[in-house]
Amino acid sequence: MVHLSLLIRGTYYNLTIAQSGVTDATLVGNTTINNTLTLTTGKINTGANVLTMATAAPNIVGANTSRFIVGNLEWSLPAGASTKKFEIGGAAYAPVTWLILRSLVQ
């Protein structure tokens, strides 16, 4: 569990954000999550950095109107059919769900 106002850049297998008070987490470098990102309290502000969810990452857990990613979120989608919910927003929570029906290979 990370109780910091800043996240270090790097790669995490699982990461839980549990911010106290009104301070949101801020990325200080590009960050990759290989499995599950859990939002318990607070938002993640990426600034100019990128938060990347790896292909094997199943989902982002716990997002709602007060817990979401503000900024750059990338997700490496797996081949074939899949659904991924990008738990994003700006001034307000505005999640986007991608439904990939199939992959086209040329």
Protein backbone atom coordinates (compact mmCIF):
# COMPACT_ATOMS: atom_id res chain seq x y z
CA MET A 1 0.00 0.00 0.00
CA VAL A 2 1.37 3.42 -0.93
CA HIS A 3 0.68 6.31 1.49
CA LEU A 4 2.64 9.00 -0.33
CA SER A 5 1.75 12.17 -2.13
CA LEU A 6 4.12 11.13 -4.95
CA LEU A 7 4.59 7.78 -6.64
CA ILE A 8 8.04 6.86 -7.83
CA ARG A 9 8.35 5.84 -11.41
CA GLY A 10 8.74 2.15 -12.05
CA THR A 11 6.98 -1.15 -12.50
CA TYR A 12 4.65 -2.74 -9.98
CA TYR A 13 2.92 -6.12 -9.94
CA ASN A 14 0.01 -4.93 -7.75
CA LEU A 15 -0.42 -1.39 -6.52
CA THR A 16 -2.96 -0.04 -4.02
CA ILE A 17 -3.51 3.70 -3.68
CA ALA A 18 -4.85 4.77 -0.27
CA GLN A 19 -4.31 8.51 0.07
CA SER A 20 -5.20 10.21 3.34
CA GLY A 21 -6.73 13.66 3.55
CA VAL A 22 -7.28 15.56 0.32
CA THR A 23 -3.92 14.75 -1.25
CA ASP A 24 -4.06 12.78 -4.49
CA ALA A 25 -1.19 10.60 -5.72
CA THR A 26 1.00 12.11 -8.45
CA LEU A 27 3.26 10.22 -10.84
CA VAL A 28 6.83 11.50 -10.99
CA GLY A 29 7.69 9.26 -13.93
CA ASN A 30 6.13 6.72 -16.26
CA THR A 31 4.66 3.84 -14.28
CA THR A 32 3.56 0.32 -15.28
CA ILE A 33 1.16 -1.98 -13.43
CA ASN A 34 1.53 -5.64 -14.42
CA ASN A 35 -1.52 -7.00 -12.56
CA THR A 36 -4.08 -5.10 -10.44
CA LEU A 37 -4.35 -1.42 -9.61
CA THR A 38 -6.62 -0.84 -6.60
CA LEU A 39 -7.94 2.61 -5.80
CA THR A 40 -8.99 2.75 -2.14
CA THR A 41 -8.99 6.53 -1.59
CA GLY A 42 -7.85 9.38 -3.79
CA LYS A 43 -7.09 9.93 -7.45
CA ILE A 44 -3.89 9.39 -9.42
CA ASN A 45 -2.72 12.46 -11.34
CA THR A 46 -0.32 11.47 -14.10
CA GLY A 47 0.74 14.96 -15.16
CA ALA A 48 2.84 14.59 -18.33
CA ASN A 49 3.72 10.99 -17.35
CA VAL A 50 1.94 7.82 -18.46
CA LEU A 51 0.32 5.14 -16.31
CA THR A 52 0.44 1.89 -18.31
CA MET A 53 -1.60 -1.20 -17.52
CA ALA A 54 0.15 -4.29 -18.92
CA THR A 55 -1.60 -6.74 -21.25
CA ALA A 56 -2.05 -9.27 -18.41
CA ALA A 57 -3.56 -6.67 -16.04
CA PRO A 58 -7.17 -7.78 -15.53
CA ASN A 59 -8.73 -4.51 -14.32
CA ILE A 60 -8.63 -1.43 -12.15
CA VAL A 61 -10.45 -2.04 -8.87
CA GLY A 62 -12.33 0.44 -6.69
CA ALA A 63 -12.77 3.37 -9.06
CA ASN A 64 -15.73 5.69 -8.55
CA THR A 65 -16.55 9.42 -8.59
CA SER A 66 -13.78 10.19 -6.09
CA ARG A 67 -11.22 7.52 -7.13
CA PHE A 68 -9.96 7.51 -10.72
CA ILE A 69 -7.00 8.37 -12.98
CA VAL A 70 -6.59 11.97 -14.12
CA GLY A 71 -4.30 12.12 -17.13
CA ASN A 72 -2.57 9.61 -19.38
CA LEU A 73 -3.68 5.98 -19.08
CA GLU A 74 -2.52 3.36 -21.58
CA TRP A 75 -3.54 -0.29 -21.63
CA SER A 76 -1.84 -2.93 -23.74
CA LEU A 77 -4.84 -4.93 -24.93
CA PRO A 78 -4.53 -8.68 -25.42
CA ALA A 79 -5.08 -10.37 -28.77
CA GLY A 80 -8.62 -11.55 -29.41
CA ALA A 81 -11.84 -10.49 -27.74
CA SER A 82 -11.64 -8.50 -24.52
CA THR A 83 -13.27 -5.70 -22.54
CA LYS A 84 -11.30 -3.09 -20.61
CA LYS A 85 -12.69 -0.23 -18.54
CA PHE A 86 -10.45 2.84 -18.48
CA GLU A 87 -11.18 4.43 -15.08
CA ILE A 88 -10.44 8.00 -16.10
CA GLY A 89 -11.73 11.52 -15.65
CA GLY A 90 -10.80 15.14 -15.35
CA ALA A 91 -12.93 17.48 -13.28
CA ALA A 92 -15.40 14.56 -13.04
CA TYR A 93 -15.25 10.76 -13.31
CA ALA A 94 -15.79 9.76 -16.97
CA PRO A 95 -14.88 6.08 -17.47
CA VAL A 96 -14.56 4.60 -20.96
CA THR A 97 -15.14 0.92 -21.72
CA TRP A 98 -13.48 -0.64 -24.76
CA LEU A 99 -15.05 -3.80 -26.16
CA ILE A 100 -12.70 -5.52 -28.58
CA LEU A 101 -14.61 -8.14 -30.56
CA ARG A 102 -11.65 -9.56 -32.48
CA SER A 103 -8.14 -8.78 -33.62
CA LEU A 104 -7.31 -8.22 -37.25
CA VAL A 105 -3.97 -9.53 -38.40
CA GLN A 106 -2.56 -8.40 -41.72
